[in-house]
């Protein structure tokens, strides 16, 4: 079981409260998580990544195990702690301002 934490506006769009849990077969990668997330919550397609290029949106960041994974390969295997559900995969809206 994969735990995913969404920013508040995407939780509202998906009509969920708290974390989302996903079942993923095979290697747990950013792409596998986002594919499973968009399959379960189609209203999120195009919000986290471009729906044509599948690249991460500019103002979205990914974190796992307290590490910024935003620039990692989407096919890179995430840490075991994420794959086992011990740690969540966080999708965070970038913040700006002073």
PDB file of N, CA and C in Angstrom:
ATOM      1  N   UNK A   1       0.839  -1.180   0.000  1.00  0.00           N
ATOM      2  CA  UNK A   1       0.000   0.000   0.000  1.00  0.00           C
ATOM      3  C   UNK A   1       0.885   1.244   0.000  1.00  0.00           C
ATOM      4  N   UNK A   2       0.599   2.129  -0.922  1.00  0.00           N
ATOM      5  CA  UNK A   2       1.329   3.387  -1.038  1.00  0.00           C
ATOM      6  C   UNK A   2       0.461   4.483  -0.438  1.00  0.00           C
ATOM      7  N   UNK A   3       1.066   5.308   0.375  1.00  0.00           N
ATOM      8  CA  UNK A   3       0.347   6.455   0.950  1.00  0.00           C
ATOM      9  C   UNK A   3       0.767   7.707   0.186  1.00  0.00           C
ATOM     10  N   UNK A   4      -0.222   8.486  -0.236  1.00  0.00           N
ATOM     11  CA  UNK A   4       0.054   9.712  -0.982  1.00  0.00           C
ATOM     12  C   UNK A   4      -0.634  10.869  -0.278  1.00  0.00           C
ATOM     13  N   UNK A   5       0.114  11.921  -0.052  1.00  0.00           N
ATOM     14  CA  UNK A   5      -0.431  13.142   0.539  1.00  0.00           C
ATOM     15  C   UNK A   5      -0.541  14.178  -0.570  1.00  0.00           C
ATOM     16  N   UNK A   6      -1.750  14.685  -0.731  1.00  0.00           N
ATOM     17  CA  UNK A   6      -2.028  15.691  -1.760  1.00  0.00           C
ATOM     18  C   UNK A   6      -2.171  17.058  -1.116  1.00  0.00           C
ATOM     19  N   UNK A   7      -1.886  18.126  -1.865  1.00  0.00           N
ATOM     20  CA  UNK A   7      -2.174  19.462  -1.336  1.00  0.00           C
ATOM     21  C   UNK A   7      -3.685  19.651  -1.216  1.00  0.00           C
ATOM     22  N   UNK A   8      -4.078  20.597  -0.385  1.00  0.00           N
ATOM     23  CA  UNK A   8      -5.503  20.783  -0.052  1.00  0.00           C
ATOM     24  C   UNK A   8      -6.382  20.968  -1.289  1.00  0.00           C
ATOM     25  N   UNK A   9      -5.925  21.759  -2.266  1.00  0.00           N
ATOM     26  CA  UNK A   9      -6.783  21.999  -3.428  1.00  0.00           C
ATOM     27  C   UNK A   9      -7.002  20.744  -4.260  1.00  0.00           C
ATOM     28  N   UNK A  10      -6.002  19.835  -4.292  1.00  0.00           N
ATOM     29  CA  UNK A  10      -6.193  18.592  -5.040  1.00  0.00           C
ATOM     30  C   UNK A  10      -7.034  17.598  -4.243  1.00  0.00           C
ATOM     31  N   UNK A  11      -6.928  17.634  -2.901  1.00  0.00           N
ATOM     32  CA  UNK A  11      -7.832  16.798  -2.083  1.00  0.00           C
ATOM     33  C   UNK A  11      -9.275  17.220  -2.307  1.00  0.00           C
ATOM     34  N   UNK A  12      -9.506  18.526  -2.386  1.00  0.00           N
ATOM     35  CA  UNK A  12     -10.862  19.014  -2.624  1.00  0.00           C
ATOM     36  C   UNK A  12     -11.351  18.583  -4.005  1.00  0.00           C
ATOM     37  N   UNK A  13     -10.486  18.678  -5.006  1.00  0.00           N
ATOM     38  CA  UNK A  13     -10.856  18.280  -6.362  1.00  0.00           C
ATOM     39  C   UNK A  13     -11.175  16.788  -6.432  1.00  0.00           C
ATOM     40  N   UNK A  14     -10.383  15.992  -5.745  1.00  0.00           N
ATOM     41  CA  UNK A  14     -10.589  14.537  -5.736  1.00  0.00           C
ATOM     42  C   UNK A  14     -11.656  14.111  -4.731  1.00  0.00           C
ATOM     43  N   UNK A  15     -12.094  15.059  -3.906  1.00  0.00           N
ATOM     44  CA  UNK A  15     -13.111  14.793  -2.874  1.00  0.00           C
ATOM     45  C   UNK A  15     -12.658  13.704  -1.910  1.00  0.00           C
ATOM     46  N   UNK A  16     -11.450  13.888  -1.399  1.00  0.00           N
ATOM     47  CA  UNK A  16     -10.910  12.976  -0.389  1.00  0.00           C
ATOM     48  C   UNK A  16     -10.481  13.797   0.818  1.00  0.00           C
ATOM     49  N   UNK A  17     -10.420  13.133   1.930  1.00  0.00           N
ATOM     50  CA  UNK A  17      -9.910  13.735   3.159  1.00  0.00           C
ATOM     51  C   UNK A  17      -8.668  12.962   3.574  1.00  0.00           C
ATOM     52  N   UNK A  18      -7.655  13.660   3.944  1.00  0.00           N
ATOM     53  CA  UNK A  18      -6.444  12.989   4.415  1.00  0.00           C
ATOM     54  C   UNK A  18      -5.663  12.345   3.289  1.00  0.00           C
ATOM     55  N   UNK A  19      -4.932  11.311   3.643  1.00  0.00           N
ATOM     56  CA  UNK A  19      -4.072  10.632   2.681  1.00  0.00           C
ATOM     57  C   UNK A  19      -4.878   9.762   1.734  1.00  0.00           C
ATOM     58  N   UNK A  20      -4.305   9.551   0.560  1.00  0.00           N
ATOM     59  CA  UNK A  20      -4.852   8.616  -0.415  1.00  0.00           C
ATOM     60  C   UNK A  20      -3.988   7.361  -0.345  1.00  0.00           C
ATOM     61  N   UNK A  21      -4.602   6.205  -0.402  1.00  0.00           N
ATOM     62  CA  UNK A  21      -3.825   4.965  -0.448  1.00  0.00           C
ATOM     63  C   UNK A  21      -4.027   4.314  -1.802  1.00  0.00           C
ATOM     64  N   UNK A  22      -2.943   3.781  -2.330  1.00  0.00           N
ATOM     65  CA  UNK A  22      -2.958   3.152  -3.645  1.00  0.00           C
ATOM     66  C   UNK A  22      -2.269   1.806  -3.576  1.00  0.00           C
ATOM     67  N   UNK A  23      -2.740   0.893  -4.391  1.00  0.00           N
ATOM     68  CA  UNK A  23      -2.067  -0.401  -4.550  1.00  0.00           C
ATOM     69  C   UNK A  23      -1.319  -0.369  -5.877  1.00  0.00           C
ATOM     70  N   UNK A  24      -0.053  -0.687  -5.843  1.00  0.00           N
ATOM     71  CA  UNK A  24       0.762  -0.676  -7.048  1.00  0.00           C
ATOM     72  C   UNK A  24       1.468  -2.008  -7.183  1.00  0.00           C
ATOM     73  N   UNK A  25       1.361  -2.592  -8.354  1.00  0.00           N
ATOM     74  CA  UNK A  25       2.063  -3.839  -8.636  1.00  0.00           C
ATOM     75  C   UNK A  25       3.389  -3.487  -9.310  1.00  0.00           C
ATOM     76  N   UNK A  26       4.443  -4.154  -8.949  1.00  0.00           N
ATOM     77  CA  UNK A  26       5.734  -3.908  -9.564  1.00  0.00           C
ATOM     78  C   UNK A  26       6.495  -2.805  -8.855  1.00  0.00           C
ATOM     79  N   UNK A  27       7.548  -2.327  -9.495  1.00  0.00           N
ATOM     80  CA  UNK A  27       8.389  -1.299  -8.877  1.00  0.00           C
ATOM     81  C   UNK A  27       7.594  -0.027  -8.571  1.00  0.00           C
ATOM     82  N   UNK A  28       7.866   0.536  -7.413  1.00  0.00           N
ATOM     83  CA  UNK A  28       7.175   1.765  -7.011  1.00  0.00           C
ATOM     84  C   UNK A  28       8.023   2.952  -7.462  1.00  0.00           C
ATOM     85  N   UNK A  29       7.506   3.634  -8.476  1.00  0.00           N
ATOM     86  CA  UNK A  29       8.186   4.789  -9.041  1.00  0.00           C
ATOM     87  C   UNK A  29       7.217   5.967  -9.024  1.00  0.00           C
ATOM     88  N   UNK A  30       7.743   7.153  -9.285  1.00  0.00           N
ATOM     89  CA  UNK A  30       6.857   8.317  -9.394  1.00  0.00           C
ATOM     90  C   UNK A  30       5.819   8.089 -10.479  1.00  0.00           C
ATOM     91  N   UNK A  31       6.247   7.555 -11.602  1.00  0.00           N
ATOM     92  CA  UNK A  31       5.325   7.329 -12.712  1.00  0.00           C
ATOM     93  C   UNK A  31       4.228   6.330 -12.312  1.00  0.00           C
ATOM     94  N   UNK A  32       4.611   5.251 -11.615  1.00  0.00           N
ATOM     95  CA  UNK A  32       3.624   4.251 -11.200  1.00  0.00           C
ATOM     96  C   UNK A  32       2.617   4.866 -10.226  1.00  0.00           C
ATOM     97  N   UNK A  33       3.107   5.681  -9.307  1.00  0.00           N
ATOM     98  CA  UNK A  33       2.204   6.332  -8.347  1.00  0.00           C
ATOM     99  C   UNK A  33       1.257   7.285  -9.063  1.00  0.00           C
ATOM    100  N   UNK A  34       1.795   8.111  -9.952  1.00  0.00           N
ATOM    101  CA  UNK A  34       0.941   9.084 -10.642  1.00  0.00           C
ATOM    102  C   UNK A  34      -0.032   8.401 -11.595  1.00  0.00           C
ATOM    103  N   UNK A  35       0.405   7.332 -12.242  1.00  0.00           N
ATOM    104  CA  UNK A  35      -0.513   6.569 -13.101  1.00  0.00           C
ATOM    105  C   UNK A  35      -1.662   6.004 -12.272  1.00  0.00           C
ATOM    106  N   UNK A  36      -1.341   5.410 -11.122  1.00  0.00           N
ATOM    107  CA  UNK A  36      -2.374   4.828 -10.260  1.00  0.00           C
ATOM    108  C   UNK A  36      -3.281   5.918  -9.685  1.00  0.00           C
ATOM    109  N   UNK A  37      -2.681   7.039  -9.320  1.00  0.00           N
ATOM    110  CA  UNK A  37      -3.461   8.153  -8.765  1.00  0.00           C
ATOM    111  C   UNK A  37      -4.454   8.688  -9.801  1.00  0.00           C
ATOM    112  N   UNK A  38      -3.983   8.892 -11.032  1.00  0.00           N
ATOM    113  CA  UNK A  38      -4.855   9.427 -12.077  1.00  0.00           C
ATOM    114  C   UNK A  38      -5.901   8.404 -12.525  1.00  0.00           C
ATOM    115  N   UNK A  39      -5.571   7.115 -12.450  1.00  0.00           N
ATOM    116  CA  UNK A  39      -6.565   6.094 -12.799  1.00  0.00           C
ATOM    117  C   UNK A  39      -7.688   6.067 -11.761  1.00  0.00           C
ATOM    118  N   UNK A  40      -7.323   6.216 -10.510  1.00  0.00           N
ATOM    119  CA  UNK A  40      -8.329   6.173  -9.442  1.00  0.00           C
ATOM    120  C   UNK A  40      -9.094   7.489  -9.332  1.00  0.00           C
ATOM    121  N   UNK A  41      -8.398   8.594  -9.589  1.00  0.00           N
ATOM    122  CA  UNK A  41      -9.022   9.922  -9.488  1.00  0.00           C
ATOM    123  C   UNK A  41      -8.804  10.658 -10.807  1.00  0.00           C
ATOM    124  N   UNK A  42      -9.593  10.332 -11.838  1.00  0.00           N
ATOM    125  CA  UNK A  42      -9.369  10.938 -13.159  1.00  0.00           C
ATOM    126  C   UNK A  42      -9.477  12.447 -13.172  1.00  0.00           C
ATOM    127  N   UNK A  43     -10.165  13.013 -12.200  1.00  0.00           N
ATOM    128  CA  UNK A  43     -10.272  14.474 -12.153  1.00  0.00           C
ATOM    129  C   UNK A  43      -8.911  15.137 -11.862  1.00  0.00           C
ATOM    130  N   UNK A  44      -7.925  14.358 -11.453  1.00  0.00           N
ATOM    131  CA  UNK A  44      -6.594  14.908 -11.175  1.00  0.00           C
ATOM    132  C   UNK A  44      -5.692  14.915 -12.399  1.00  0.00           C
ATOM    133  N   UNK A  45      -6.142  14.305 -13.495  1.00  0.00           N
ATOM    134  CA  UNK A  45      -5.323  14.282 -14.717  1.00  0.00           C
ATOM    135  C   UNK A  45      -5.045  15.701 -15.173  1.00  0.00           C
ATOM    136  N   UNK A  46      -3.797  15.969 -15.450  1.00  0.00           N
ATOM    137  CA  UNK A  46      -3.402  17.289 -15.914  1.00  0.00           C
ATOM    138  C   UNK A  46      -3.106  18.280 -14.803  1.00  0.00           C
ATOM    139  N   UNK A  47      -3.341  17.903 -13.562  1.00  0.00           N
ATOM    140  CA  UNK A  47      -3.086  18.834 -12.466  1.00  0.00           C
ATOM    141  C   UNK A  47      -1.682  18.683 -11.895  1.00  0.00           C
ATOM    142  N   UNK A  48      -1.212  17.461 -11.762  1.00  0.00           N
ATOM    143  CA  UNK A  48       0.107  17.203 -11.190  1.00  0.00           C
ATOM    144  C   UNK A  48       1.164  17.170 -12.293  1.00  0.00           C
ATOM    145  N   UNK A  49       0.786  16.603 -13.408  1.00  0.00           N
ATOM    146  CA  UNK A  49       1.691  16.539 -14.555  1.00  0.00           C
ATOM    147  C   UNK A  49       0.889  16.834 -15.808  1.00  0.00           C
ATOM    148  N   UNK A  50       1.596  17.282 -16.816  1.00  0.00           N
ATOM    149  CA  UNK A  50       0.953  17.603 -18.085  1.00  0.00           C
ATOM    150  C   UNK A  50       0.344  16.329 -18.661  1.00  0.00           C
ATOM    151  N   UNK A  51      -0.894  16.401 -19.121  1.00  0.00           N
ATOM    152  CA  UNK A  51      -1.554  15.189 -19.576  1.00  0.00           C
ATOM    153  C   UNK A  51      -1.089  14.733 -20.955  1.00  0.00           C
ATOM    154  N   UNK A  52      -0.288  15.528 -21.656  1.00  0.00           N
ATOM    155  CA  UNK A  52       0.253  15.121 -22.953  1.00  0.00           C
ATOM    156  C   UNK A  52       1.696  14.648 -22.804  1.00  0.00           C
ATOM    157  N   UNK A  53       2.523  15.467 -22.157  1.00  0.00           N
ATOM    158  CA  UNK A  53       3.945  15.120 -22.027  1.00  0.00           C
ATOM    159  C   UNK A  53       4.234  14.278 -20.789  1.00  0.00           C
ATOM    160  N   UNK A  54       3.323  14.257 -19.836  1.00  0.00           N
ATOM    161  CA  UNK A  54       3.476  13.563 -18.550  1.00  0.00           C
ATOM    162  C   UNK A  54       4.625  14.112 -17.710  1.00  0.00           C
ATOM    163  N   UNK A  55       5.060  15.343 -18.014  1.00  0.00           N
ATOM    164  CA  UNK A  55       6.088  15.977 -17.195  1.00  0.00           C
ATOM    165  C   UNK A  55       5.440  16.681 -16.012  1.00  0.00           C
ATOM    166  N   UNK A  56       6.162  16.714 -14.930  1.00  0.00           N
ATOM    167  CA  UNK A  56       5.683  17.369 -13.712  1.00  0.00           C
ATOM    168  C   UNK A  56       5.381  18.833 -14.002  1.00  0.00           C
ATOM    169  N   UNK A  57       4.278  19.315 -13.462  1.00  0.00           N
ATOM    170  CA  UNK A  57       3.954  20.734 -13.596  1.00  0.00           C
ATOM    171  C   UNK A  57       5.009  21.559 -12.865  1.00  0.00           C
ATOM    172  N   UNK A  58       5.251  22.754 -13.351  1.00  0.00           N
ATOM    173  CA  UNK A  58       6.346  23.584 -12.833  1.00  0.00           C
ATOM    174  C   UNK A  58       6.214  23.893 -11.346  1.00  0.00           C
ATOM    175  N   UNK A  59       5.017  24.068 -10.862  1.00  0.00           N
ATOM    176  CA  UNK A  59       4.849  24.476  -9.471  1.00  0.00           C
ATOM    177  C   UNK A  59       4.390  23.329  -8.578  1.00  0.00           C
ATOM    178  N   UNK A  60       4.758  22.132  -8.964  1.00  0.00           N
ATOM    179  CA  UNK A  60       4.467  20.946  -8.159  1.00  0.00           C
ATOM    180  C   UNK A  60       5.789  20.293  -7.793  1.00  0.00           C
ATOM    181  N   UNK A  61       5.905  19.882  -6.550  1.00  0.00           N
ATOM    182  CA  UNK A  61       7.126  19.218  -6.080  1.00  0.00           C
ATOM    183  C   UNK A  61       6.752  17.855  -5.508  1.00  0.00           C
ATOM    184  N   UNK A  62       7.707  16.919  -5.552  1.00  0.00           N
ATOM    185  CA  UNK A  62       7.512  15.585  -4.996  1.00  0.00           C
ATOM    186  C   UNK A  62       8.532  15.368  -3.882  1.00  0.00           C
ATOM    187  N   UNK A  63       8.071  14.835  -2.768  1.00  0.00           N
ATOM    188  CA  UNK A  63       8.953  14.513  -1.658  1.00  0.00           C
ATOM    189  C   UNK A  63       8.702  13.082  -1.194  1.00  0.00           C
ATOM    190  N   UNK A  64       9.780  12.429  -0.785  1.00  0.00           N
ATOM    191  CA  UNK A  64       9.696  11.096  -0.194  1.00  0.00           C
ATOM    192  C   UNK A  64      10.831  10.970   0.804  1.00  0.00           C
ATOM    193  N   UNK A  65      10.522  10.491   1.983  1.00  0.00           N
ATOM    194  CA  UNK A  65      11.530  10.291   3.031  1.00  0.00           C
ATOM    195  C   UNK A  65      12.332  11.574   3.268  1.00  0.00           C
ATOM    196  N   UNK A  66      11.628  12.690   3.317  1.00  0.00           N
ATOM    197  CA  UNK A  66      12.210  13.996   3.599  1.00  0.00           C
ATOM    198  C   UNK A  66      13.200  14.463   2.535  1.00  0.00           C
ATOM    199  N   UNK A  67      13.140  13.873   1.364  1.00  0.00           N
ATOM    200  CA  UNK A  67      14.024  14.251   0.259  1.00  0.00           C
ATOM    201  C   UNK A  67      13.182  14.792  -0.891  1.00  0.00           C
ATOM    202  N   UNK A  68      13.664  15.876  -1.501  1.00  0.00           N
ATOM    203  CA  UNK A  68      13.004  16.417  -2.677  1.00  0.00           C
ATOM    204  C   UNK A  68      13.309  15.500  -3.860  1.00  0.00           C
ATOM    205  N   UNK A  69      12.291  14.870  -4.407  1.00  0.00           N
ATOM    206  CA  UNK A  69      12.436  13.923  -5.524  1.00  0.00           C
ATOM    207  C   UNK A  69      11.920  14.524  -6.831  1.00  0.00           C
ATOM    208  N   UNK A  70      11.714  15.834  -6.827  1.00  0.00           N
ATOM    209  CA  UNK A  70      11.099  16.496  -7.976  1.00  0.00           C
ATOM    210  C   UNK A  70      11.901  16.343  -9.260  1.00  0.00           C
ATOM    211  N   UNK A  71      13.196  16.292  -9.157  1.00  0.00           N
ATOM    212  CA  UNK A  71      14.033  16.203 -10.356  1.00  0.00           C
ATOM    213  C   UNK A  71      14.556  14.800 -10.609  1.00  0.00           C
ATOM    214  N   UNK A  72      14.102  13.835  -9.818  1.00  0.00           N
ATOM    215  CA  UNK A  72      14.474  12.441 -10.061  1.00  0.00           C
ATOM    216  C   UNK A  72      13.776  11.948 -11.319  1.00  0.00           C
ATOM    217  N   UNK A  73      14.302  10.916 -11.899  1.00  0.00           N
ATOM    218  CA  UNK A  73      13.651  10.285 -13.045  1.00  0.00           C
ATOM    219  C   UNK A  73      12.282   9.753 -12.620  1.00  0.00           C
ATOM    220  N   UNK A  74      11.255   9.942 -13.439  1.00  0.00           N
ATOM    221  CA  UNK A  74       9.944   9.392 -13.086  1.00  0.00           C
ATOM    222  C   UNK A  74       9.942   7.872 -13.003  1.00  0.00           C
ATOM    223  N   UNK A  75      10.956   7.238 -13.570  1.00  0.00           N
ATOM    224  CA  UNK A  75      11.041   5.778 -13.525  1.00  0.00           C
ATOM    225  C   UNK A  75      12.033   5.275 -12.493  1.00  0.00           C
ATOM    226  N   UNK A  76      12.593   6.166 -11.698  1.00  0.00           N
ATOM    227  CA  UNK A  76      13.491   5.765 -10.626  1.00  0.00           C
ATOM    228  C   UNK A  76      12.702   5.122  -9.487  1.00  0.00           C
ATOM    229  N   UNK A  77      13.240   4.061  -8.939  1.00  0.00           N
ATOM    230  CA  UNK A  77      12.555   3.349  -7.856  1.00  0.00           C
ATOM    231  C   UNK A  77      12.650   4.175  -6.578  1.00  0.00           C
ATOM    232  N   UNK A  78      11.503   4.338  -5.929  1.00  0.00           N
ATOM    233  CA  UNK A  78      11.443   5.109  -4.684  1.00  0.00           C
ATOM    234  C   UNK A  78      11.900   4.244  -3.506  1.00  0.00           C
ATOM    235  N   UNK A  79      12.259   4.868  -2.393  1.00  0.00           N
ATOM    236  CA  UNK A  79      12.754   4.102  -1.236  1.00  0.00           C
ATOM    237  C   UNK A  79      11.737   3.060  -0.754  1.00  0.00           C
ATOM    238  N   UNK A  80      12.259   2.010  -0.137  1.00  0.00           N
ATOM    239  CA  UNK A  80      11.407   0.940   0.394  1.00  0.00           C
ATOM    240  C   UNK A  80      10.376   1.475   1.374  1.00  0.00           C
ATOM    241  N   UNK A  81      10.745   2.521   2.140  1.00  0.00           N
ATOM    242  CA  UNK A  81       9.808   3.075   3.130  1.00  0.00           C
ATOM    243  C   UNK A  81       8.537   3.590   2.448  1.00  0.00           C
ATOM    244  N   UNK A  82       8.655   4.109   1.242  1.00  0.00           N
ATOM    245  CA  UNK A  82       7.477   4.554   0.484  1.00  0.00           C
ATOM    246  C   UNK A  82       6.736   3.334  -0.072  1.00  0.00           C
ATOM    247  N   UNK A  83       7.486   2.386  -0.591  1.00  0.00           N
ATOM    248  CA  UNK A  83       6.877   1.190  -1.188  1.00  0.00           C
ATOM    249  C   UNK A  83       6.103   0.369  -0.171  1.00  0.00           C
ATOM    250  N   UNK A  84       6.531   0.400   1.085  1.00  0.00           N
ATOM    251  CA  UNK A  84       5.845  -0.383   2.122  1.00  0.00           C
ATOM    252  C   UNK A  84       4.771   0.422   2.844  1.00  0.00           C
ATOM    253  N   UNK A  85       4.688   1.713   2.568  1.00  0.00           N
ATOM    254  CA  UNK A  85       3.695   2.551   3.224  1.00  0.00           C
ATOM    255  C   UNK A  85       4.156   3.108   4.565  1.00  0.00           C
ATOM    256  N   UNK A  86       5.400   2.865   4.930  1.00  0.00           N
ATOM    257  CA  UNK A  86       5.920   3.418   6.184  1.00  0.00           C
ATOM    258  C   UNK A  86       6.033   4.936   6.101  1.00  0.00           C
ATOM    259  N   UNK A  87       6.356   5.425   4.924  1.00  0.00           N
ATOM    260  CA  UNK A  87       6.473   6.859   4.671  1.00  0.00           C
ATOM    261  C   UNK A  87       5.570   7.224   3.497  1.00  0.00           C
ATOM    262  N   UNK A  88       4.931   8.391   3.535  1.00  0.00           N
ATOM    263  CA  UNK A  88       4.084   8.786   2.411  1.00  0.00           C
ATOM    264  C   UNK A  88       4.900   9.404   1.277  1.00  0.00           C
ATOM    265  N   UNK A  89       4.299   9.403   0.107  1.00  0.00           N
ATOM    266  CA  UNK A  89       4.810  10.153  -1.039  1.00  0.00           C
ATOM    267  C   UNK A  89       4.034  11.456  -1.039  1.00  0.00           C
ATOM    268  N   UNK A  90       4.740  12.564  -0.963  1.00  0.00           N
ATOM    269  CA  UNK A  90       4.082  13.862  -0.855  1.00  0.00           C
ATOM    270  C   UNK A  90       4.110  14.603  -2.180  1.00  0.00           C
ATOM    271  N   UNK A  91       2.954  15.098  -2.567  1.00  0.00           N
ATOM    272  CA  UNK A  91       2.833  15.991  -3.720  1.00  0.00           C
ATOM    273  C   UNK A  91       2.523  17.354  -3.133  1.00  0.00           C
ATOM    274  N   UNK A  92       3.407  18.300  -3.387  1.00  0.00           N
ATOM    275  CA  UNK A  92       3.319  19.593  -2.726  1.00  0.00           C
ATOM    276  C   UNK A  92       3.271  20.700  -3.766  1.00  0.00           C
ATOM    277  N   UNK A  93       2.389  21.623  -3.565  1.00  0.00           N
ATOM    278  CA  UNK A  93       2.349  22.805  -4.405  1.00  0.00           C
ATOM    279  C   UNK A  93       3.477  23.725  -3.985  1.00  0.00           C
ATOM    280  N   UNK A  94       4.256  24.210  -4.960  1.00  0.00           N
ATOM    281  CA  UNK A  94       5.372  25.095  -4.642  1.00  0.00           C
ATOM    282  C   UNK A  94       4.841  26.387  -4.033  1.00  0.00           C
ATOM    283  N   UNK A  95       5.618  26.926  -3.126  1.00  0.00           N
ATOM    284  CA  UNK A  95       5.241  28.168  -2.461  1.00  0.00           C
ATOM    285  C   UNK A  95       6.208  29.266  -2.874  1.00  0.00           C
ATOM    286  N   UNK A  96       5.703  30.449  -2.985  1.00  0.00           N
ATOM    287  CA  UNK A  96       6.541  31.591  -3.314  1.00  0.00           C
ATOM    288  C   UNK A  96       6.142  32.745  -2.412  1.00  0.00           C
ATOM    289  N   UNK A  97       7.001  33.680  -2.342  1.00  0.00           N
ATOM    290  CA  UNK A  97       6.689  34.855  -1.534  1.00  0.00           C
ATOM    291  C   UNK A  97       7.777  35.112  -0.517  1.00  0.00           C
ATOM    292  N   UNK A  98       7.663  36.182   0.156  1.00  0.00           N
ATOM    293  CA  UNK A  98       8.715  36.544   1.080  1.00  0.00           C
ATOM    294  C   UNK A  98       8.371  36.470   2.508  1.00  0.00           C
TER     295      UNK A  98
END
